[in-house]
Amino acid sequence: MFRVQFLFDIVAPALILCWAAIFIYNAAAGDSGFGALAVLDREVAAKTDEVDALRARRVALENKADRLSSKSLDPDLAEERIRRILGYARDGDVIVTAPELEEALGRP
């Protein structure tokens, strides 16, 4: 009788408290707890920003590709690209190289 009473009065509540403490600890600091959730939320925000930047870049590249298509070729854009690639310039053109531009803007 004493042994059964001891189990119900002391051991069972102690085991239940330990079990509850393990669950609370894992919910707060475990691999799938609130701390891990906060880390995942930060990663999602960073990846969302990255995806938005990539989408904007894709839209810009699509616009540029549309302007370079044979249907709607922009002569100024084509001339600019050709001159940049081949390194040609007309008489009277002012050519500013990238290092000169960076120096003029005061960037290292």
C-alpha atoms as a PDB file:
ATOM      1  CA  MET A   1       0.000   0.000   0.000  1.00  0.00           C
ATOM      2  CA  PHE A   2       2.780   2.428   0.897  1.00  0.00           C
ATOM      3  CA  ARG A   3       4.578   1.649  -2.360  1.00  0.00           C
ATOM      4  CA  VAL A   4       1.535   2.337  -4.579  1.00  0.00           C
ATOM      5  CA  GLN A   5       0.779   5.514  -2.637  1.00  0.00           C
ATOM      6  CA  PHE A   6       4.429   6.614  -3.053  1.00  0.00           C
ATOM      7  CA  LEU A   7       4.207   6.068  -6.819  1.00  0.00           C
ATOM      8  CA  PHE A   8       1.050   8.143  -7.183  1.00  0.00           C
ATOM      9  CA  ASP A   9       2.066  10.918  -4.804  1.00  0.00           C
ATOM     10  CA  ILE A  10       5.743  11.500  -5.686  1.00  0.00           C
ATOM     11  CA  VAL A  11       7.085   9.539  -8.661  1.00  0.00           C
ATOM     12  CA  ALA A  12       4.226  10.146 -11.110  1.00  0.00           C
ATOM     13  CA  PRO A  13       4.136  13.965 -10.647  1.00  0.00           C
ATOM     14  CA  ALA A  14       7.939  14.091 -10.844  1.00  0.00           C
ATOM     15  CA  LEU A  15       7.922  12.160 -14.122  1.00  0.00           C
ATOM     16  CA  ILE A  16       5.151  14.338 -15.513  1.00  0.00           C
ATOM     17  CA  LEU A  17       7.068  17.493 -14.562  1.00  0.00           C
ATOM     18  CA  CYS A  18      10.257  16.164 -16.208  1.00  0.00           C
ATOM     19  CA  TRP A  19       8.310  15.218 -19.313  1.00  0.00           C
ATOM     20  CA  ALA A  20       6.708  18.686 -19.442  1.00  0.00           C
ATOM     21  CA  ALA A  21      10.099  20.347 -18.907  1.00  0.00           C
ATOM     22  CA  ILE A  22      11.550  18.429 -21.860  1.00  0.00           C
ATOM     23  CA  PHE A  23       8.685  19.549 -24.109  1.00  0.00           C
ATOM     24  CA  ILE A  24       8.979  23.176 -22.976  1.00  0.00           C
ATOM     25  CA  TYR A  25      12.748  23.181 -23.521  1.00  0.00           C
ATOM     26  CA  ASN A  26      12.403  21.683 -27.002  1.00  0.00           C
ATOM     27  CA  ALA A  27       9.677  24.191 -27.867  1.00  0.00           C
ATOM     28  CA  ALA A  28      11.899  27.096 -26.830  1.00  0.00           C
ATOM     29  CA  ALA A  29      15.427  26.058 -27.785  1.00  0.00           C
ATOM     30  CA  GLY A  30      15.232  22.791 -29.683  1.00  0.00           C
ATOM     31  CA  ASP A  31      15.989  22.105 -33.335  1.00  0.00           C
ATOM     32  CA  SER A  32      12.376  22.804 -34.275  1.00  0.00           C
ATOM     33  CA  GLY A  33      11.564  25.367 -31.597  1.00  0.00           C
ATOM     34  CA  PHE A  34      10.961  29.101 -31.592  1.00  0.00           C
ATOM     35  CA  GLY A  35      14.663  29.907 -31.998  1.00  0.00           C
ATOM     36  CA  ALA A  36      14.897  27.784 -35.127  1.00  0.00           C
ATOM     37  CA  LEU A  37      11.700  29.377 -36.408  1.00  0.00           C
ATOM     38  CA  ALA A  38      13.197  32.860 -36.005  1.00  0.00           C
ATOM     39  CA  VAL A  39      16.319  31.789 -37.911  1.00  0.00           C
ATOM     40  CA  LEU A  40      14.172  30.344 -40.701  1.00  0.00           C
ATOM     41  CA  ASP A  41      12.113  33.541 -40.863  1.00  0.00           C
ATOM     42  CA  ARG A  42      15.303  35.592 -41.318  1.00  0.00           C
ATOM     43  CA  GLU A  43      16.481  33.225 -44.055  1.00  0.00           C
ATOM     44  CA  VAL A  44      13.114  33.478 -45.816  1.00  0.00           C
ATOM     45  CA  ALA A  45      13.283  37.286 -45.693  1.00  0.00           C
ATOM     46  CA  ALA A  46      16.822  37.267 -47.127  1.00  0.00           C
ATOM     47  CA  LYS A  47      15.874  34.843 -49.898  1.00  0.00           C
ATOM     48  CA  THR A  48      12.751  36.870 -50.684  1.00  0.00           C
ATOM     49  CA  ASP A  49      14.889  39.983 -51.122  1.00  0.00           C
ATOM     50  CA  GLU A  50      17.265  38.003 -53.334  1.00  0.00           C
ATOM     51  CA  VAL A  51      14.384  36.701 -55.469  1.00  0.00           C
ATOM     52  CA  ASP A  52      12.979  40.228 -55.828  1.00  0.00           C
ATOM     53  CA  ALA A  53      16.379  41.520 -56.975  1.00  0.00           C
ATOM     54  CA  LEU A  54      16.694  38.678 -59.480  1.00  0.00           C
ATOM     55  CA  ARG A  55      13.191  39.339 -60.805  1.00  0.00           C
ATOM     56  CA  ALA A  56      14.007  43.016 -61.291  1.00  0.00           C
ATOM     57  CA  ARG A  57      17.218  42.084 -63.098  1.00  0.00           C
ATOM     58  CA  ARG A  58      15.324  39.624 -65.305  1.00  0.00           C
ATOM     59  CA  VAL A  59      12.762  42.293 -66.221  1.00  0.00           C
ATOM     60  CA  ALA A  60      15.563  44.722 -67.083  1.00  0.00           C
ATOM     61  CA  LEU A  61      17.293  42.104 -69.238  1.00  0.00           C
ATOM     62  CA  GLU A  62      14.018  41.240 -70.970  1.00  0.00           C
ATOM     63  CA  ASN A  63      13.449  44.916 -71.756  1.00  0.00           C
ATOM     64  CA  LYS A  64      16.963  45.221 -73.122  1.00  0.00           C
ATOM     65  CA  ALA A  65      16.512  42.068 -75.198  1.00  0.00           C
ATOM     66  CA  ASP A  66      13.223  43.425 -76.563  1.00  0.00           C
ATOM     67  CA  ARG A  67      14.960  46.647 -77.592  1.00  0.00           C
ATOM     68  CA  LEU A  68      17.683  44.629 -79.336  1.00  0.00           C
ATOM     69  CA  SER A  69      15.255  42.403 -81.220  1.00  0.00           C
ATOM     70  CA  SER A  70      15.057  42.886 -84.979  1.00  0.00           C
ATOM     71  CA  LYS A  71      11.386  43.938 -84.768  1.00  0.00           C
ATOM     72  CA  SER A  72      11.988  46.970 -82.602  1.00  0.00           C
ATOM     73  CA  LEU A  73      15.703  47.665 -82.918  1.00  0.00           C
ATOM     74  CA  ASP A  74      16.690  50.929 -81.310  1.00  0.00           C
ATOM     75  CA  PRO A  75      19.469  52.368 -83.487  1.00  0.00           C
ATOM     76  CA  ASP A  76      21.000  54.345 -80.630  1.00  0.00           C
ATOM     77  CA  LEU A  77      21.185  51.283 -78.422  1.00  0.00           C
ATOM     78  CA  ALA A  78      22.674  49.191 -81.209  1.00  0.00           C
ATOM     79  CA  GLU A  79      25.281  51.860 -81.950  1.00  0.00           C
ATOM     80  CA  GLU A  80      26.140  52.180 -78.273  1.00  0.00           C
ATOM     81  CA  ARG A  81      26.603  48.412 -77.915  1.00  0.00           C
ATOM     82  CA  ILE A  82      28.698  48.161 -81.085  1.00  0.00           C
ATOM     83  CA  ARG A  83      30.949  51.038 -80.046  1.00  0.00           C
ATOM     84  CA  ARG A  84      31.406  49.597 -76.579  1.00  0.00           C
ATOM     85  CA  ILE A  85      32.242  46.112 -77.845  1.00  0.00           C
ATOM     86  CA  LEU A  86      34.538  47.211 -80.681  1.00  0.00           C
ATOM     87  CA  GLY A  87      36.029  50.218 -78.918  1.00  0.00           C
ATOM     88  CA  TYR A  88      35.256  52.655 -81.738  1.00  0.00           C
ATOM     89  CA  ALA A  89      34.652  56.359 -81.323  1.00  0.00           C
ATOM     90  CA  ARG A  90      33.738  59.212 -83.642  1.00  0.00           C
ATOM     91  CA  ASP A  91      35.691  62.414 -84.054  1.00  0.00           C
ATOM     92  CA  GLY A  92      34.754  64.713 -81.215  1.00  0.00           C
ATOM     93  CA  ASP A  93      33.571  61.934 -78.884  1.00  0.00           C
ATOM     94  CA  VAL A  94      34.782  62.229 -75.328  1.00  0.00           C
ATOM     95  CA  ILE A  95      35.853  58.864 -73.966  1.00  0.00           C
ATOM     96  CA  VAL A  96      35.938  58.374 -70.233  1.00  0.00           C
ATOM     97  CA  THR A  97      37.433  55.108 -69.053  1.00  0.00           C
ATOM     98  CA  ALA A  98      36.136  53.301 -66.004  1.00  0.00           C
ATOM     99  CA  PRO A  99      39.192  54.133 -63.834  1.00  0.00           C
ATOM    100  CA  GLU A 100      38.897  57.815 -64.785  1.00  0.00           C
ATOM    101  CA  LEU A 101      35.208  57.804 -63.927  1.00  0.00           C
ATOM    102  CA  GLU A 102      35.818  56.161 -60.556  1.00  0.00           C
ATOM    103  CA  GLU A 103      38.551  58.699 -59.804  1.00  0.00           C
ATOM    104  CA  ALA A 104      36.289  61.593 -60.797  1.00  0.00           C
ATOM    105  CA  LEU A 105      33.499  60.264 -58.588  1.00  0.00           C
ATOM    106  CA  GLY A 106      35.948  59.848 -55.704  1.00  0.00           C
ATOM    107  CA  ARG A 107      35.452  56.120 -55.333  1.00  0.00           C
ATOM    108  CA  PRO A 108      38.373  53.868 -54.470  1.00  0.00           C
END
